[in-house]
Amino acid sequence: MPIDPRIQLALDMPLTERPSIRLVSGKRKRKSGYAAQPGTGPAGEKCKTCRHIRRVQGGAKTFPKCALIRWTKGPGTDIKVNAPACSRWAPQEPARP
């Protein structure tokens, strides 16, 4: 019984000629946890000095998030506390006595 030529072609093709989608794109997913592009805010300020930073408890770890965006339950919306401030940066309110 002869083999369908399309099946034979697939069987003859080496696996290395079919790179995964992840390798083809060559890009990392952009972090979407920031309200605006980091570095567009006041010079010298960081996310950790912003009013909008929140620290979310997740098991034994704490994850920094920005309160101005919608959070996911994964690392895609985490922010770096030492990232330069974005254009939505606001000074922290003074602590109440």
C-alpha atoms as a PDB file:
ATOM      1  CA  MET A   1       0.000   0.000   0.000  1.00  0.00           C
ATOM      2  CA  PRO A   2       1.569   3.345  -1.048  1.00  0.00           C
ATOM      3  CA  ILE A   3       2.050   6.158   1.514  1.00  0.00           C
ATOM      4  CA  ASP A   4       0.371   9.486   0.910  1.00  0.00           C
ATOM      5  CA  PRO A   5       3.069  11.917  -0.389  1.00  0.00           C
ATOM      6  CA  ARG A   6       2.075  14.565   2.171  1.00  0.00           C
ATOM      7  CA  ILE A   7       2.639  12.118   5.018  1.00  0.00           C
ATOM      8  CA  GLN A   8       5.944  10.973   3.540  1.00  0.00           C
ATOM      9  CA  LEU A   9       7.110  14.587   3.268  1.00  0.00           C
ATOM     10  CA  ALA A  10       6.309  15.161   6.951  1.00  0.00           C
ATOM     11  CA  LEU A  11       8.123  11.978   7.927  1.00  0.00           C
ATOM     12  CA  ASP A  12      11.227  12.926   5.932  1.00  0.00           C
ATOM     13  CA  MET A  13      11.453  16.452   7.321  1.00  0.00           C
ATOM     14  CA  PRO A  14      14.033  16.733  10.126  1.00  0.00           C
ATOM     15  CA  LEU A  15      12.736  18.131  13.392  1.00  0.00           C
ATOM     16  CA  THR A  16      15.368  20.884  13.409  1.00  0.00           C
ATOM     17  CA  GLU A  17      13.699  22.594  10.433  1.00  0.00           C
ATOM     18  CA  ARG A  18      10.608  23.294  12.524  1.00  0.00           C
ATOM     19  CA  PRO A  19      11.762  25.734  15.224  1.00  0.00           C
ATOM     20  CA  SER A  20       9.310  26.536  17.954  1.00  0.00           C
ATOM     21  CA  ILE A  21       7.360  29.787  17.869  1.00  0.00           C
ATOM     22  CA  ARG A  22       9.209  30.964  20.957  1.00  0.00           C
ATOM     23  CA  LEU A  23      12.592  30.688  19.224  1.00  0.00           C
ATOM     24  CA  VAL A  24      11.377  32.270  15.993  1.00  0.00           C
ATOM     25  CA  SER A  25      10.109  35.440  17.613  1.00  0.00           C
ATOM     26  CA  GLY A  26      13.314  36.026  19.603  1.00  0.00           C
ATOM     27  CA  LYS A  27      11.492  38.516  21.811  1.00  0.00           C
ATOM     28  CA  ARG A  28      10.658  38.458  25.460  1.00  0.00           C
ATOM     29  CA  LYS A  29       7.214  39.440  26.545  1.00  0.00           C
ATOM     30  CA  ARG A  30       7.098  43.087  27.569  1.00  0.00           C
ATOM     31  CA  LYS A  31       6.356  43.697  31.227  1.00  0.00           C
ATOM     32  CA  SER A  32       2.934  45.272  31.467  1.00  0.00           C
ATOM     33  CA  GLY A  33       2.927  46.078  35.174  1.00  0.00           C
ATOM     34  CA  TYR A  34       3.775  49.756  34.772  1.00  0.00           C
ATOM     35  CA  ALA A  35       1.184  52.508  34.319  1.00  0.00           C
ATOM     36  CA  ALA A  36       3.474  54.267  31.817  1.00  0.00           C
ATOM     37  CA  GLN A  37       6.941  53.791  30.333  1.00  0.00           C
ATOM     38  CA  PRO A  38       9.537  53.682  33.162  1.00  0.00           C
ATOM     39  CA  GLY A  39      11.965  56.595  32.990  1.00  0.00           C
ATOM     40  CA  THR A  40       9.418  59.165  31.783  1.00  0.00           C
ATOM     41  CA  GLY A  41       8.806  60.601  35.267  1.00  0.00           C
ATOM     42  CA  PRO A  42      10.769  62.967  37.505  1.00  0.00           C
ATOM     43  CA  ALA A  43      14.533  62.531  37.418  1.00  0.00           C
ATOM     44  CA  GLY A  44      15.993  60.689  40.379  1.00  0.00           C
ATOM     45  CA  GLU A  45      12.677  59.160  41.502  1.00  0.00           C
ATOM     46  CA  LYS A  46      11.986  55.439  41.547  1.00  0.00           C
ATOM     47  CA  CYS A  47       8.873  53.264  41.687  1.00  0.00           C
ATOM     48  CA  LYS A  48       9.532  52.559  45.367  1.00  0.00           C
ATOM     49  CA  THR A  49       8.989  56.248  46.205  1.00  0.00           C
ATOM     50  CA  CYS A  50       5.629  56.437  44.390  1.00  0.00           C
ATOM     51  CA  ARG A  51       2.233  56.678  46.053  1.00  0.00           C
ATOM     52  CA  HIS A  52       0.802  54.014  43.762  1.00  0.00           C
ATOM     53  CA  ILE A  53       3.119  51.124  44.692  1.00  0.00           C
ATOM     54  CA  ARG A  54       1.447  48.194  46.426  1.00  0.00           C
ATOM     55  CA  ARG A  55       3.084  45.131  47.900  1.00  0.00           C
ATOM     56  CA  VAL A  56       0.912  42.075  47.393  1.00  0.00           C
ATOM     57  CA  GLN A  57       1.399  39.092  49.666  1.00  0.00           C
ATOM     58  CA  GLY A  58       1.529  35.775  47.841  1.00  0.00           C
ATOM     59  CA  GLY A  59       2.371  32.870  50.106  1.00  0.00           C
ATOM     60  CA  ALA A  60       5.797  33.489  51.620  1.00  0.00           C
ATOM     61  CA  LYS A  61       6.734  36.168  49.081  1.00  0.00           C
ATOM     62  CA  THR A  62       5.768  39.785  48.482  1.00  0.00           C
ATOM     63  CA  PHE A  63       5.259  41.067  44.948  1.00  0.00           C
ATOM     64  CA  PRO A  64       5.423  44.795  44.059  1.00  0.00           C
ATOM     65  CA  LYS A  65       2.566  46.021  41.858  1.00  0.00           C
ATOM     66  CA  CYS A  66       1.336  49.383  40.546  1.00  0.00           C
ATOM     67  CA  ALA A  67      -2.132  50.352  41.781  1.00  0.00           C
ATOM     68  CA  LEU A  68      -2.956  52.169  38.532  1.00  0.00           C
ATOM     69  CA  ILE A  69      -3.251  49.047  36.397  1.00  0.00           C
ATOM     70  CA  ARG A  70      -5.285  45.840  36.502  1.00  0.00           C
ATOM     71  CA  TRP A  71      -3.318  43.001  38.087  1.00  0.00           C
ATOM     72  CA  THR A  72      -3.076  39.426  36.986  1.00  0.00           C
ATOM     73  CA  LYS A  73      -2.264  36.596  39.328  1.00  0.00           C
ATOM     74  CA  GLY A  74       1.120  36.111  37.709  1.00  0.00           C
ATOM     75  CA  PRO A  75       4.489  37.783  37.191  1.00  0.00           C
ATOM     76  CA  GLY A  76       3.363  39.769  34.133  1.00  0.00           C
ATOM     77  CA  THR A  77       2.163  42.695  36.252  1.00  0.00           C
ATOM     78  CA  ASP A  78       5.027  42.719  38.756  1.00  0.00           C
ATOM     79  CA  ILE A  79       7.182  45.846  38.722  1.00  0.00           C
ATOM     80  CA  LYS A  80      10.746  46.499  39.760  1.00  0.00           C
ATOM     81  CA  VAL A  81      10.891  48.798  42.779  1.00  0.00           C
ATOM     82  CA  ASN A  82      14.187  50.335  41.610  1.00  0.00           C
ATOM     83  CA  ALA A  83      12.898  51.125  38.114  1.00  0.00           C
ATOM     84  CA  PRO A  84      12.972  54.817  37.176  1.00  0.00           C
ATOM     85  CA  ALA A  85       9.678  56.591  37.833  1.00  0.00           C
ATOM     86  CA  CYS A  86       7.051  56.771  35.103  1.00  0.00           C
ATOM     87  CA  SER A  87       5.038  59.815  34.067  1.00  0.00           C
ATOM     88  CA  ARG A  88       2.216  58.794  36.449  1.00  0.00           C
ATOM     89  CA  TRP A  89       4.532  59.011  39.504  1.00  0.00           C
ATOM     90  CA  ALA A  90       3.127  60.818  42.537  1.00  0.00           C
ATOM     91  CA  PRO A  91       4.868  61.529  45.857  1.00  0.00           C
ATOM     92  CA  GLN A  92       3.957  59.349  48.814  1.00  0.00           C
ATOM     93  CA  GLU A  93       1.674  60.828  51.404  1.00  0.00           C
ATOM     94  CA  PRO A  94       3.394  61.592  54.714  1.00  0.00           C
ATOM     95  CA  ALA A  95       2.888  58.968  57.412  1.00  0.00           C
ATOM     96  CA  ARG A  96       0.233  59.788  59.972  1.00  0.00           C
ATOM     97  CA  PRO A  97       1.466  60.076  63.582  1.00  0.00           C
END
